Amino acid sequence: MAATLTDFFIIALLLGAIGYGWYVSRKVQVLMTALKDMEPLVKEFSTAVDKTEDSVHQLKLNLEEPQQRVVEEEEDEPMFATRRQPAHKIPGARVVRNKQDLVRRFFETSRA
């Protein structure tokens, strides 16, 4: 009698495990179908990210090169800058020197 109950218990556990495995298998198939549908979008996003990285790199190079040229030109020819009037300040505007000041200024403004 105890052996029969044990056998039925083991059979019930095995059926439960098989049922759960089938359920997980169906979910994985649905997930794989969704991923196949998203594959072109992911590829387009990846190429867009690569293009963006290249563009940013080129922008950085373009920003660095003209500054070097300006420094070289200034050393070659002396230039005089005279101002008859002081520089006009825009009300509410503050000069920001680096990124830390910009971030700090942003959070100060957002708190107010």
PDB file of N, CA and C in Angstrom:
ATOM      1  N   MET A   1       0.817  -1.192   0.000  1.00  0.00           N
ATOM      2  CA  MET A   1       0.000   0.000   0.000  1.00  0.00           C
ATOM      3  C   MET A   1       0.869   1.268   0.000  1.00  0.00           C
ATOM      4  N   ALA A   2       1.889   1.316   0.853  1.00  0.00           N
ATOM      5  CA  ALA A   2       2.775   2.474   0.926  1.00  0.00           C
ATOM      6  C   ALA A   2       3.574   2.612  -0.362  1.00  0.00           C
ATOM      7  N   ALA A   3       3.937   1.485  -0.951  1.00  0.00           N
ATOM      8  CA  ALA A   3       4.700   1.513  -2.196  1.00  0.00           C
ATOM      9  C   ALA A   3       3.847   2.103  -3.321  1.00  0.00           C
ATOM     10  N   THR A   4       2.559   1.767  -3.353  1.00  0.00           N
ATOM     11  CA  THR A   4       1.663   2.271  -4.383  1.00  0.00           C
ATOM     12  C   THR A   4       1.469   3.779  -4.224  1.00  0.00           C
ATOM     13  N   LEU A   5       1.302   4.243  -2.999  1.00  0.00           N
ATOM     14  CA  LEU A   5       1.164   5.680  -2.742  1.00  0.00           C
ATOM     15  C   LEU A   5       2.429   6.431  -3.156  1.00  0.00           C
ATOM     16  N   THR A   6       3.580   5.856  -2.865  1.00  0.00           N
ATOM     17  CA  THR A   6       4.847   6.472  -3.243  1.00  0.00           C
ATOM     18  C   THR A   6       4.954   6.546  -4.762  1.00  0.00           C
ATOM     19  N   ASP A   7       4.568   5.461  -5.464  1.00  0.00           N
ATOM     20  CA  ASP A   7       4.607   5.466  -6.928  1.00  0.00           C
ATOM     21  C   ASP A   7       3.693   6.548  -7.504  1.00  0.00           C
ATOM     22  N   PHE A   8       2.463   6.666  -6.966  1.00  0.00           N
ATOM     23  CA  PHE A   8       1.548   7.692  -7.446  1.00  0.00           C
ATOM     24  C   PHE A   8       2.093   9.101  -7.176  1.00  0.00           C
ATOM     25  N   PHE A   9       2.726   9.283  -6.048  1.00  0.00           N
ATOM     26  CA  PHE A   9       3.314  10.571  -5.705  1.00  0.00           C
ATOM     27  C   PHE A   9       4.433  10.923  -6.675  1.00  0.00           C
ATOM     28  N   ILE A  10       5.292   9.965  -6.983  1.00  0.00           N
ATOM     29  CA  ILE A  10       6.396  10.197  -7.917  1.00  0.00           C
ATOM     30  C   ILE A  10       5.844  10.485  -9.315  1.00  0.00           C
ATOM     31  N   ILE A  11       4.804   9.733  -9.730  1.00  0.00           N
ATOM     32  CA  ILE A  11       4.183   9.954 -11.038  1.00  0.00           C
ATOM     33  C   ILE A  11       3.590  11.366 -11.106  1.00  0.00           C
ATOM     34  N   ALA A  12       2.932  11.804 -10.032  1.00  0.00           N
ATOM     35  CA  ALA A  12       2.346  13.145 -10.006  1.00  0.00           C
ATOM     36  C   ALA A  12       3.433  14.210 -10.108  1.00  0.00           C
ATOM     37  N   LEU A  13       4.546  14.028  -9.401  1.00  0.00           N
ATOM     38  CA  LEU A  13       5.651  14.977  -9.484  1.00  0.00           C
ATOM     39  C   LEU A  13       6.256  15.004 -10.890  1.00  0.00           C
ATOM     40  N   LEU A  14       6.406  13.825 -11.505  1.00  0.00           N
ATOM     41  CA  LEU A  14       6.949  13.785 -12.860  1.00  0.00           C
ATOM     42  C   LEU A  14       6.015  14.473 -13.857  1.00  0.00           C
ATOM     43  N   LEU A  15       4.709  14.240 -13.728  1.00  0.00           N
ATOM     44  CA  LEU A  15       3.751  14.908 -14.606  1.00  0.00           C
ATOM     45  C   LEU A  15       3.787  16.428 -14.397  1.00  0.00           C
ATOM     46  N   GLY A  16       3.923  16.858 -13.168  1.00  0.00           N
ATOM     47  CA  GLY A  16       4.038  18.289 -12.880  1.00  0.00           C
ATOM     48  C   GLY A  16       5.291  18.873 -13.514  1.00  0.00           C
ATOM     49  N   ALA A  17       6.419  18.166 -13.425  1.00  0.00           N
ATOM     50  CA  ALA A  17       7.671  18.645 -14.017  1.00  0.00           C
ATOM     51  C   ALA A  17       7.560  18.694 -15.537  1.00  0.00           C
ATOM     52  N   ILE A  18       6.929  17.668 -16.134  1.00  0.00           N
ATOM     53  CA  ILE A  18       6.749  17.658 -17.586  1.00  0.00           C
ATOM     54  C   ILE A  18       5.832  18.805 -18.015  1.00  0.00           C
ATOM     55  N   GLY A  19       4.781  19.046 -17.282  1.00  0.00           N
ATOM     56  CA  GLY A  19       3.861  20.145 -17.591  1.00  0.00           C
ATOM     57  C   GLY A  19       4.548  21.496 -17.483  1.00  0.00           C
ATOM     58  N   TYR A  20       5.328  21.678 -16.440  1.00  0.00           N
ATOM     59  CA  TYR A  20       6.055  22.940 -16.269  1.00  0.00           C
ATOM     60  C   TYR A  20       7.086  23.121 -17.381  1.00  0.00           C
ATOM     61  N   GLY A  21       7.782  22.057 -17.768  1.00  0.00           N
ATOM     62  CA  GLY A  21       8.751  22.119 -18.871  1.00  0.00           C
ATOM     63  C   GLY A  21       8.075  22.506 -20.176  1.00  0.00           C
ATOM     64  N   TRP A  22       6.885  21.954 -20.436  1.00  0.00           N
ATOM     65  CA  TRP A  22       6.135  22.302 -21.645  1.00  0.00           C
ATOM     66  C   TRP A  22       5.737  23.777 -21.608  1.00  0.00           C
ATOM     67  N   TYR A  23       5.284  24.269 -20.449  1.00  0.00           N
ATOM     68  CA  TYR A  23       4.886  25.673 -20.286  1.00  0.00           C
ATOM     69  C   TYR A  23       6.079  26.608 -20.546  1.00  0.00           C
ATOM     70  N   VAL A  24       7.235  26.290 -19.991  1.00  0.00           N
ATOM     71  CA  VAL A  24       8.433  27.108 -20.184  1.00  0.00           C
ATOM     72  C   VAL A  24       8.862  27.067 -21.647  1.00  0.00           C
ATOM     73  N   SER A  25       8.758  25.899 -22.273  1.00  0.00           N
ATOM     74  CA  SER A  25       9.117  25.768 -23.678  1.00  0.00           C
ATOM     75  C   SER A  25       8.252  26.662 -24.551  1.00  0.00           C
ATOM     76  N   ARG A  26       6.954  26.734 -24.291  1.00  0.00           N
ATOM     77  CA  ARG A  26       6.052  27.598 -25.055  1.00  0.00           C
ATOM     78  C   ARG A  26       6.434  29.067 -24.870  1.00  0.00           C
ATOM     79  N   LYS A  27       6.741  29.452 -23.634  1.00  0.00           N
ATOM     80  CA  LYS A  27       7.130  30.839 -23.370  1.00  0.00           C
ATOM     81  C   LYS A  27       8.426  31.195 -24.106  1.00  0.00           C
ATOM     82  N   VAL A  28       9.382  30.272 -24.144  1.00  0.00           N
ATOM     83  CA  VAL A  28      10.652  30.525 -24.825  1.00  0.00           C
ATOM     84  C   VAL A  28      10.419  30.652 -26.328  1.00  0.00           C
ATOM     85  N   GLN A  29       9.518  29.835 -26.877  1.00  0.00           N
ATOM     86  CA  GLN A  29       9.207  29.947 -28.305  1.00  0.00           C
ATOM     87  C   GLN A  29       8.586  31.304 -28.634  1.00  0.00           C
ATOM     88  N   VAL A  30       7.699  31.787 -27.773  1.00  0.00           N
ATOM     89  CA  VAL A  30       7.100  33.110 -27.980  1.00  0.00           C
ATOM     90  C   VAL A  30       8.178  34.186 -27.904  1.00  0.00           C
ATOM     91  N   LEU A  31       9.080  34.061 -26.953  1.00  0.00           N
ATOM     92  CA  LEU A  31      10.180  35.024 -26.813  1.00  0.00           C
ATOM     93  C   LEU A  31      11.089  35.006 -28.033  1.00  0.00           C
ATOM     94  N   MET A  32      11.425  33.844 -28.529  1.00  0.00           N
ATOM     95  CA  MET A  32      12.294  33.743 -29.698  1.00  0.00           C
ATOM     96  C   MET A  32      11.618  34.350 -30.932  1.00  0.00           C
ATOM     97  N   THR A  33      10.314  34.170 -31.059  1.00  0.00           N
ATOM     98  CA  THR A  33       9.590  34.777 -32.175  1.00  0.00           C
ATOM     99  C   THR A  33       9.636  36.300 -32.083  1.00  0.00           C
ATOM    100  N   ALA A  34       9.452  36.819 -30.883  1.00  0.00           N
ATOM    101  CA  ALA A  34       9.516  38.271 -30.689  1.00  0.00           C
ATOM    102  C   ALA A  34      10.918  38.793 -30.997  1.00  0.00           C
ATOM    103  N   LEU A  35      11.940  38.062 -30.598  1.00  0.00           N
ATOM    104  CA  LEU A  35      13.314  38.494 -30.875  1.00  0.00           C
ATOM    105  C   LEU A  35      13.625  38.464 -32.370  1.00  0.00           C
ATOM    106  N   LYS A  36      13.103  37.476 -33.087  1.00  0.00           N
ATOM    107  CA  LYS A  36      13.303  37.435 -34.539  1.00  0.00           C
ATOM    108  C   LYS A  36      12.641  38.638 -35.201  1.00  0.00           C
ATOM    109  N   ASP A  37      11.476  39.040 -34.698  1.00  0.00           N
ATOM    110  CA  ASP A  37      10.797  40.211 -35.247  1.00  0.00           C
ATOM    111  C   ASP A  37      11.564  41.492 -34.958  1.00  0.00           C
ATOM    112  N   MET A  38      12.263  41.520 -33.836  1.00  0.00           N
ATOM    113  CA  MET A  38      12.996  42.731 -33.445  1.00  0.00           C
ATOM    114  C   MET A  38      14.402  42.794 -34.038  1.00  0.00           C
ATOM    115  N   GLU A  39      14.868  41.732 -34.655  1.00  0.00           N
ATOM    116  CA  GLU A  39      16.244  41.691 -35.155  1.00  0.00           C
ATOM    117  C   GLU A  39      16.568  42.837 -36.120  1.00  0.00           C
ATOM    118  N   PRO A  40      15.721  43.157 -37.108  1.00  0.00           N
ATOM    119  CA  PRO A  40      16.063  44.288 -37.984  1.00  0.00           C
ATOM    120  C   PRO A  40      16.148  45.614 -37.222  1.00  0.00           C
ATOM    121  N   LEU A  41      15.273  45.805 -36.236  1.00  0.00           N
ATOM    122  CA  LEU A  41      15.326  47.045 -35.454  1.00  0.00           C
ATOM    123  C   LEU A  41      16.622  47.146 -34.664  1.00  0.00           C
ATOM    124  N   VAL A  42      17.045  46.028 -34.103  1.00  0.00           N
ATOM    125  CA  VAL A  42      18.281  46.028 -33.318  1.00  0.00           C
ATOM    126  C   VAL A  42      19.483  46.305 -34.220  1.00  0.00           C
ATOM    127  N   LYS A  43      19.463  45.730 -35.429  1.00  0.00           N
ATOM    128  CA  LYS A  43      20.574  45.990 -36.359  1.00  0.00           C
ATOM    129  C   LYS A  43      20.604  47.453 -36.770  1.00  0.00           C
ATOM    130  N   GLU A  44      19.443  48.033 -37.063  1.00  0.00           N
ATOM    131  CA  GLU A  44      19.393  49.457 -37.424  1.00  0.00           C
ATOM    132  C   GLU A  44      19.873  50.335 -36.275  1.00  0.00           C
ATOM    133  N   PHE A  45      19.464  49.983 -35.062  1.00  0.00           N
ATOM    134  CA  PHE A  45      19.903  50.750 -33.888  1.00  0.00           C
ATOM    135  C   PHE A  45      21.416  50.646 -33.728  1.00  0.00           C
ATOM    136  N   SER A  46      21.953  49.459 -33.939  1.00  0.00           N
ATOM    137  CA  SER A  46      23.396  49.262 -33.803  1.00  0.00           C
ATOM    138  C   SER A  46      24.159  50.086 -34.828  1.00  0.00           C
ATOM    139  N   THR A  47      23.684  50.102 -36.071  1.00  0.00           N
ATOM    140  CA  THR A  47      24.368  50.910 -37.089  1.00  0.00           C
ATOM    141  C   THR A  47      24.233  52.398 -36.792  1.00  0.00           C
ATOM    142  N   ALA A  48      23.075  52.800 -36.253  1.00  0.00           N
ATOM    143  CA  ALA A  48      22.901  54.213 -35.896  1.00  0.00           C
ATOM    144  C   ALA A  48      23.851  54.605 -34.774  1.00  0.00           C
ATOM    145  N   VAL A  49      24.038  53.726 -33.800  1.00  0.00           N
ATOM    146  CA  VAL A  49      24.970  54.006 -32.704  1.00  0.00           C
ATOM    147  C   VAL A  49      26.399  54.107 -33.241  1.00  0.00           C
ATOM    148  N   ASP A  50      26.760  53.213 -34.157  1.00  0.00           N
ATOM    149  CA  ASP A  50      28.102  53.278 -34.740  1.00  0.00           C
ATOM    150  C   ASP A  50      28.307  54.581 -35.499  1.00  0.00           C
ATOM    151  N   LYS A  51      27.300  54.992 -36.280  1.00  0.00           N
ATOM    152  CA  LYS A  51      27.412  56.252 -37.016  1.00  0.00           C
ATOM    153  C   LYS A  51      27.535  57.434 -36.057  1.00  0.00           C
ATOM    154  N   THR A  52      26.783  57.390 -34.961  1.00  0.00           N
ATOM    155  CA  THR A  52      26.833  58.470 -33.983  1.00  0.00           C
ATOM    156  C   THR A  52      28.214  58.554 -33.341  1.00  0.00           C
ATOM    157  N   GLU A  53      28.770  57.402 -32.993  1.00  0.00           N
ATOM    158  CA  GLU A  53      30.114  57.394 -32.403  1.00  0.00           C
ATOM    159  C   GLU A  53      31.137  57.977 -33.379  1.00  0.00           C
ATOM    160  N   ASP A  54      31.022  57.592 -34.646  1.00  0.00           N
ATOM    161  CA  ASP A  54      31.948  58.136 -35.652  1.00  0.00           C
ATOM    162  C   ASP A  54      31.768  59.642 -35.800  1.00  0.00           C
ATOM    163  N   SER A  55      30.517  60.090 -35.806  1.00  0.00           N
ATOM    164  CA  SER A  55      30.252  61.528 -35.952  1.00  0.00           C
ATOM    165  C   SER A  55      30.812  62.313 -34.774  1.00  0.00           C
ATOM    166  N   VAL A  56      30.627  61.803 -33.578  1.00  0.00           N
ATOM    167  CA  VAL A  56      31.144  62.485 -32.386  1.00  0.00           C
ATOM    168  C   VAL A  56      32.662  62.533 -32.442  1.00  0.00           C
ATOM    169  N   HIS A  57      33.260  61.430 -32.861  1.00  0.00           N
ATOM    170  CA  HIS A  57      34.722  61.411 -32.976  1.00  0.00           C
ATOM    171  C   HIS A  57      35.196  62.454 -33.991  1.00  0.00           C
ATOM    172  N   GLN A  58      34.523  62.538 -35.134  1.00  0.00           N
ATOM    173  CA  GLN A  58      34.886  63.529 -36.146  1.00  0.00           C
ATOM    174  C   GLN A  58      34.677  64.950 -35.630  1.00  0.00           C
ATOM    175  N   LEU A  59      33.586  65.173 -34.890  1.00  0.00           N
ATOM    176  CA  LEU A  59      33.355  66.505 -34.323  1.00  0.00           C
ATOM    177  C   LEU A  59      34.467  66.890 -33.363  1.00  0.00           C
ATOM    178  N   LYS A  60      34.884  65.952 -32.537  1.00  0.00           N
ATOM    179  CA  LYS A  60      35.973  66.237 -31.604  1.00  0.00           C
ATOM    180  C   LYS A  60      37.251  66.582 -32.357  1.00  0.00           C
ATOM    181  N   LEU A  61      37.533  65.825 -33.416  1.00  0.00           N
ATOM    182  CA  LEU A  61      38.732  66.118 -34.210  1.00  0.00           C
ATOM    183  C   LEU A  61      38.619  67.490 -34.863  1.00  0.00           C
ATOM    184  N   ASN A  62      37.448  67.820 -35.386  1.00  0.00           N
ATOM    185  CA  ASN A  62      37.262  69.121 -36.030  1.00  0.00           C
ATOM    186  C   ASN A  62      37.361  70.264 -35.035  1.00  0.00           C
ATOM    187  N   LEU A  63      36.931  70.041 -33.805  1.00  0.00           N
ATOM    188  CA  LEU A  63      37.042  71.090 -32.798  1.00  0.00           C
ATOM    189  C   LEU A  63      38.485  71.293 -32.364  1.00  0.00           C
ATOM    190  N   GLU A  64      39.247  70.215 -32.277  1.00  0.00           N
ATOM    191  CA  GLU A  64      40.624  70.328 -31.823  1.00  0.00           C
ATOM    192  C   GLU A  64      41.521  70.946 -32.896  1.00  0.00           C
ATOM    193  N   GLU A  65      41.314  70.595 -34.149  1.00  0.00           N
ATOM    194  CA  GLU A  65      42.181  71.101 -35.215  1.00  0.00           C
ATOM    195  C   GLU A  65      42.086  72.614 -35.393  1.00  0.00           C
ATOM    196  N   PRO A  66      40.889  73.222 -35.498  1.00  0.00           N
ATOM    197  CA  PRO A  66      40.852  74.688 -35.668  1.00  0.00           C
ATOM    198  C   PRO A  66      41.466  75.441 -34.493  1.00  0.00           C
ATOM    199  N   GLN A  67      41.338  74.945 -33.284  1.00  0.00           N
ATOM    200  CA  GLN A  67      41.929  75.617 -32.133  1.00  0.00           C
ATOM    201  C   GLN A  67      43.443  75.621 -32.261  1.00  0.00           C
ATOM    202  N   GLN A  68      44.006  74.532 -32.756  1.00  0.00           N
ATOM    203  CA  GLN A  68      45.447  74.488 -32.932  1.00  0.00           C
ATOM    204  C   GLN A  68      45.880  75.473 -34.018  1.00  0.00           C
ATOM    205  N   ARG A  69      45.083  75.572 -35.085  1.00  0.00           N
ATOM    206  CA  ARG A  69      45.409  76.514 -36.151  1.00  0.00           C
ATOM    207  C   ARG A  69      45.345  77.952 -35.662  1.00  0.00           C
ATOM    208  N   VAL A  70      44.349  78.260 -34.854  1.00  0.00           N
ATOM    209  CA  VAL A  70      44.195  79.613 -34.333  1.00  0.00           C
ATOM    210  C   VAL A  70      45.394  79.973 -33.456  1.00  0.00           C
ATOM    211  N   VAL A  71      45.835  79.059 -32.634  1.00  0.00           N
ATOM    212  CA  VAL A  71      46.989  79.320 -31.779  1.00  0.00           C
ATOM    213  C   VAL A  71      48.222  79.573 -32.627  1.00  0.00           C
ATOM    214  N   GLU A  72      48.396  78.803 -33.698  1.00  0.00           N
ATOM    215  CA  GLU A  72      49.552  78.992 -34.562  1.00  0.00           C
ATOM    216  C   GLU A  72      49.485  80.348 -35.255  1.00  0.00           C
ATOM    217  N   GLU A  73      48.292  80.737 -35.732  1.00  0.00           N
ATOM    218  CA  GLU A  73      48.153  82.009 -36.417  1.00  0.00           C
ATOM    219  C   GLU A  73      48.388  83.177 -35.471  1.00  0.00           C
ATOM    220  N   GLU A  74      47.948  83.048 -34.236  1.00  0.00           N
ATOM    221  CA  GLU A  74      48.142  84.124 -33.272  1.00  0.00           C
ATOM    222  C   GLU A  74      49.616  84.308 -32.961  1.00  0.00           C
ATOM    223  N   GLU A  75      50.374  83.228 -32.949  1.00  0.00           N
ATOM    224  CA  GLU A  75      51.801  83.355 -32.682  1.00  0.00           C
ATOM    225  C   GLU A  75      52.529  84.018 -33.854  1.00  0.00           C
ATOM    226  N   ASP A  76      52.028  83.823 -35.070  1.00  0.00           N
ATOM    227  CA  ASP A  76      52.690  84.397 -36.234  1.00  0.00           C
ATOM    228  C   ASP A  76      52.464  85.904 -36.335  1.00  0.00           C
ATOM    229  N   GLU A  77      51.223  86.338 -36.132  1.00  0.00           N
ATOM    230  CA  GLU A  77      50.895  87.739 -36.319  1.00  0.00           C
ATOM    231  C   GLU A  77      50.352  88.332 -35.020  1.00  0.00           C
ATOM    232  N   PRO A  78      50.981  89.369 -34.516  1.00  0.00           N
ATOM    233  CA  PRO A  78      50.428  90.000 -33.311  1.00  0.00           C
ATOM    234  C   PRO A  78      49.144  90.744 -33.664  1.00  0.00           C
ATOM    235  N   MET A  79      48.168  90.610 -32.793  1.00  0.00           N
ATOM    236  CA  MET A  79      46.894  91.272 -33.026  1.00  0.00           C
ATOM    237  C   MET A  79      46.528  92.063 -31.781  1.00  0.00           C
ATOM    238  N   PHE A  80      45.912  93.209 -32.010  1.00  0.00           N
ATOM    239  CA  PHE A  80      45.496  94.048 -30.904  1.00  0.00           C
ATOM    240  C   PHE A  80      43.977  94.111 -30.886  1.00  0.00           C
ATOM    241  N   ALA A  81      43.426  93.889 -29.722  1.00  0.00           N
ATOM    242  CA  ALA A  81      41.972  93.971 -29.584  1.00  0.00           C
ATOM    243  C   ALA A  81      41.670  95.091 -28.595  1.00  0.00           C
ATOM    244  N   THR A  82      41.023  96.119 -29.088  1.00  0.00           N
ATOM    245  CA  THR A  82      40.634  97.219 -28.209  1.00  0.00           C
ATOM    246  C   THR A  82      39.120  97.272 -28.161  1.00  0.00           C
ATOM    247  N   ARG A  83      38.621  97.641 -26.987  1.00  0.00           N
ATOM    248  CA  ARG A  83      37.187  97.782 -26.814  1.00  0.00           C
ATOM    249  C   ARG A  83      36.901  99.149 -26.253  1.00  0.00           C
ATOM    250  N   ARG A  84      35.987  99.802 -26.857  1.00  0.00           N
ATOM    251  CA  ARG A  84      35.608 101.105 -26.341  1.00  0.00           C
ATOM    252  C   ARG A  84      34.512 100.979 -25.303  1.00  0.00           C
ATOM    253  N   GLN A  85      33.730  99.912 -25.439  1.00  0.00           N
ATOM    254  CA  GLN A  85      32.657  99.689 -24.475  1.00  0.00           C
ATOM    255  C   GLN A  85      32.870  98.325 -23.828  1.00  0.00           C
ATOM    256  N   PRO A  86      32.496  98.209 -22.558  1.00  0.00           N
ATOM    257  CA  PRO A  86      32.641  96.901 -21.921  1.00  0.00           C
ATOM    258  C   PRO A  86      31.685  95.897 -22.565  1.00  0.00           C
ATOM    259  N   ALA A  87      32.015  94.645 -22.428  1.00  0.00           N
ATOM    260  CA  ALA A  87      31.174  93.588 -22.999  1.00  0.00           C
ATOM    261  C   ALA A  87      29.806  93.610 -22.335  1.00  0.00           C
ATOM    262  N   HIS A  88      28.770  93.449 -23.137  1.00  0.00           N
ATOM    263  CA  HIS A  88      27.411  93.451 -22.607  1.00  0.00           C
ATOM    264  C   HIS A  88      27.107  92.115 -21.963  1.00  0.00           C
ATOM    265  N   LYS A  89      26.562  92.176 -20.771  1.00  0.00           N
ATOM    266  CA  LYS A  89      26.168  90.942 -20.094  1.00  0.00           C
ATOM    267  C   LYS A  89      24.675  90.740 -20.276  1.00  0.00           C
ATOM    268  N   ILE A  90      24.310  89.516 -20.554  1.00  0.00           N
ATOM    269  CA  ILE A  90      22.897  89.168 -20.701  1.00  0.00           C
ATOM    270  C   ILE A  90      22.344  88.922 -19.313  1.00  0.00           C
ATOM    271  N   PRO A  91      21.219  89.564 -18.961  1.00  0.00           N
ATOM    272  CA  PRO A  91      20.671  89.356 -17.620  1.00  0.00           C
ATOM    273  C   PRO A  91      20.263  87.904 -17.418  1.00  0.00           C
ATOM    274  N   GLY A  92      20.647  87.348 -16.290  1.00  0.00           N
ATOM    275  CA  GLY A  92      20.286  85.974 -15.954  1.00  0.00           C
ATOM    276  C   GLY A  92      21.229  84.935 -16.528  1.00  0.00           C
ATOM    277  N   ALA A  93      22.216  85.348 -17.294  1.00  0.00           N
ATOM    278  CA  ALA A  93      23.161  84.405 -17.894  1.00  0.00           C
ATOM    279  C   ALA A  93      24.446  84.397 -17.080  1.00  0.00           C
ATOM    280  N   ARG A  94      25.032  83.243 -16.961  1.00  0.00           N
ATOM    281  CA  ARG A  94      26.275  83.107 -16.217  1.00  0.00           C
ATOM    282  C   ARG A  94      27.278  82.350 -17.075  1.00  0.00           C
ATOM    283  N   VAL A  95      28.530  82.750 -17.042  1.00  0.00           N
ATOM    284  CA  VAL A  95      29.571  82.075 -17.805  1.00  0.00           C
ATOM    285  C   VAL A  95      29.918  80.776 -17.091  1.00  0.00           C
ATOM    286  N   VAL A  96      29.939  79.716 -17.849  1.00  0.00           N
ATOM    287  CA  VAL A  96      30.259  78.398 -17.301  1.00  0.00           C
ATOM    288  C   VAL A  96      31.562  77.949 -17.942  1.00  0.00           C
ATOM    289  N   ARG A  97      32.524  77.573 -17.117  1.00  0.00           N
ATOM    290  CA  ARG A  97      33.856  77.242 -17.620  1.00  0.00           C
ATOM    291  C   ARG A  97      34.010  75.768 -17.991  1.00  0.00           C
ATOM    292  N   ASN A  98      33.389  74.858 -17.239  1.00  0.00           N
ATOM    293  CA  ASN A  98      33.549  73.436 -17.535  1.00  0.00           C
ATOM    294  C   ASN A  98      32.244  72.685 -17.251  1.00  0.00           C
ATOM    295  N   LYS A  99      32.272  71.398 -17.480  1.00  0.00           N
ATOM    296  CA  LYS A  99      31.068  70.582 -17.354  1.00  0.00           C
ATOM    297  C   LYS A  99      30.581  70.511 -15.902  1.00  0.00           C
ATOM    298  N   GLN A 100      31.481  70.494 -14.957  1.00  0.00           N
ATOM    299  CA  GLN A 100      31.069  70.429 -13.549  1.00  0.00           C
ATOM    300  C   GLN A 100      30.265  71.659 -13.163  1.00  0.00           C
ATOM    301  N   ASP A 101      30.710  72.814 -13.597  1.00  0.00           N
ATOM    302  CA  ASP A 101      29.952  74.041 -13.309  1.00  0.00           C
ATOM    303  C   ASP A 101      28.589  74.011 -13.981  1.00  0.00           C
ATOM    304  N   LEU A 102      28.528  73.478 -15.195  1.00  0.00           N
ATOM    305  CA  LEU A 102      27.264  73.391 -15.913  1.00  0.00           C
ATOM    306  C   LEU A 102      26.280  72.491 -15.180  1.00  0.00           C
ATOM    307  N   VAL A 103      26.753  71.327 -14.725  1.00  0.00           N
ATOM    308  CA  VAL A 103      25.878  70.397 -14.002  1.00  0.00           C
ATOM    309  C   VAL A 103      25.452  71.006 -12.673  1.00  0.00           C
ATOM    310  N   ARG A 104      26.387  71.620 -11.965  1.00  0.00           N
ATOM    311  CA  ARG A 104      26.073  72.248 -10.686  1.00  0.00           C
ATOM    312  C   ARG A 104      25.035  73.353 -10.869  1.00  0.00           C
ATOM    313  N   ARG A 105      25.195  74.160 -11.909  1.00  0.00           N
ATOM    314  CA  ARG A 105      24.259  75.254 -12.211  1.00  0.00           C
ATOM    315  C   ARG A 105      22.869  74.706 -12.545  1.00  0.00           C
ATOM    316  N   PHE A 106      22.822  73.587 -13.286  1.00  0.00           N
ATOM    317  CA  PHE A 106      21.560  72.959 -13.632  1.00  0.00           C
ATOM    318  C   PHE A 106      20.802  72.543 -12.367  1.00  0.00           C
ATOM    319  N   PHE A 107      21.496  71.872 -11.439  1.00  0.00           N
ATOM    320  CA  PHE A 107      20.810  71.415 -10.236  1.00  0.00           C
ATOM    321  C   PHE A 107      20.422  72.576  -9.321  1.00  0.00           C
ATOM    322  N   GLU A 108      21.236  73.628  -9.304  1.00  0.00           N
ATOM    323  CA  GLU A 108      20.857  74.806  -8.514  1.00  0.00           C
ATOM    324  C   GLU A 108      19.593  75.439  -9.078  1.00  0.00           C
ATOM    325  N   THR A 109      19.498  75.514 -10.394  1.00  0.00           N
ATOM    326  CA  THR A 109      18.321  76.108 -11.028  1.00  0.00           C
ATOM    327  C   THR A 109      17.092  75.221 -10.851  1.00  0.00           C
ATOM    328  N   SER A 110      17.287  73.911 -10.925  1.00  0.00           N
ATOM    329  CA  SER A 110      16.122  73.028 -10.801  1.00  0.00           C
ATOM    330  C   SER A 110      15.575  72.993  -9.383  1.00  0.00           C
ATOM    331  N   ARG A 111      16.420  73.257  -8.393  1.00  0.00           N
ATOM    332  CA  ARG A 111      15.940  73.294  -7.012  1.00  0.00           C
ATOM    333  C   ARG A 111      15.084  74.546  -6.753  1.00  0.00           C
ATOM    334  N   ALA A 112      15.444  75.610  -7.429  1.00  0.00           N
ATOM    335  CA  ALA A 112      14.757  76.895  -7.194  1.00  0.00           C
ATOM    336  C   ALA A 112      13.375  76.916  -7.820  1.00  0.00           C
TER     337      ALA A 112
END
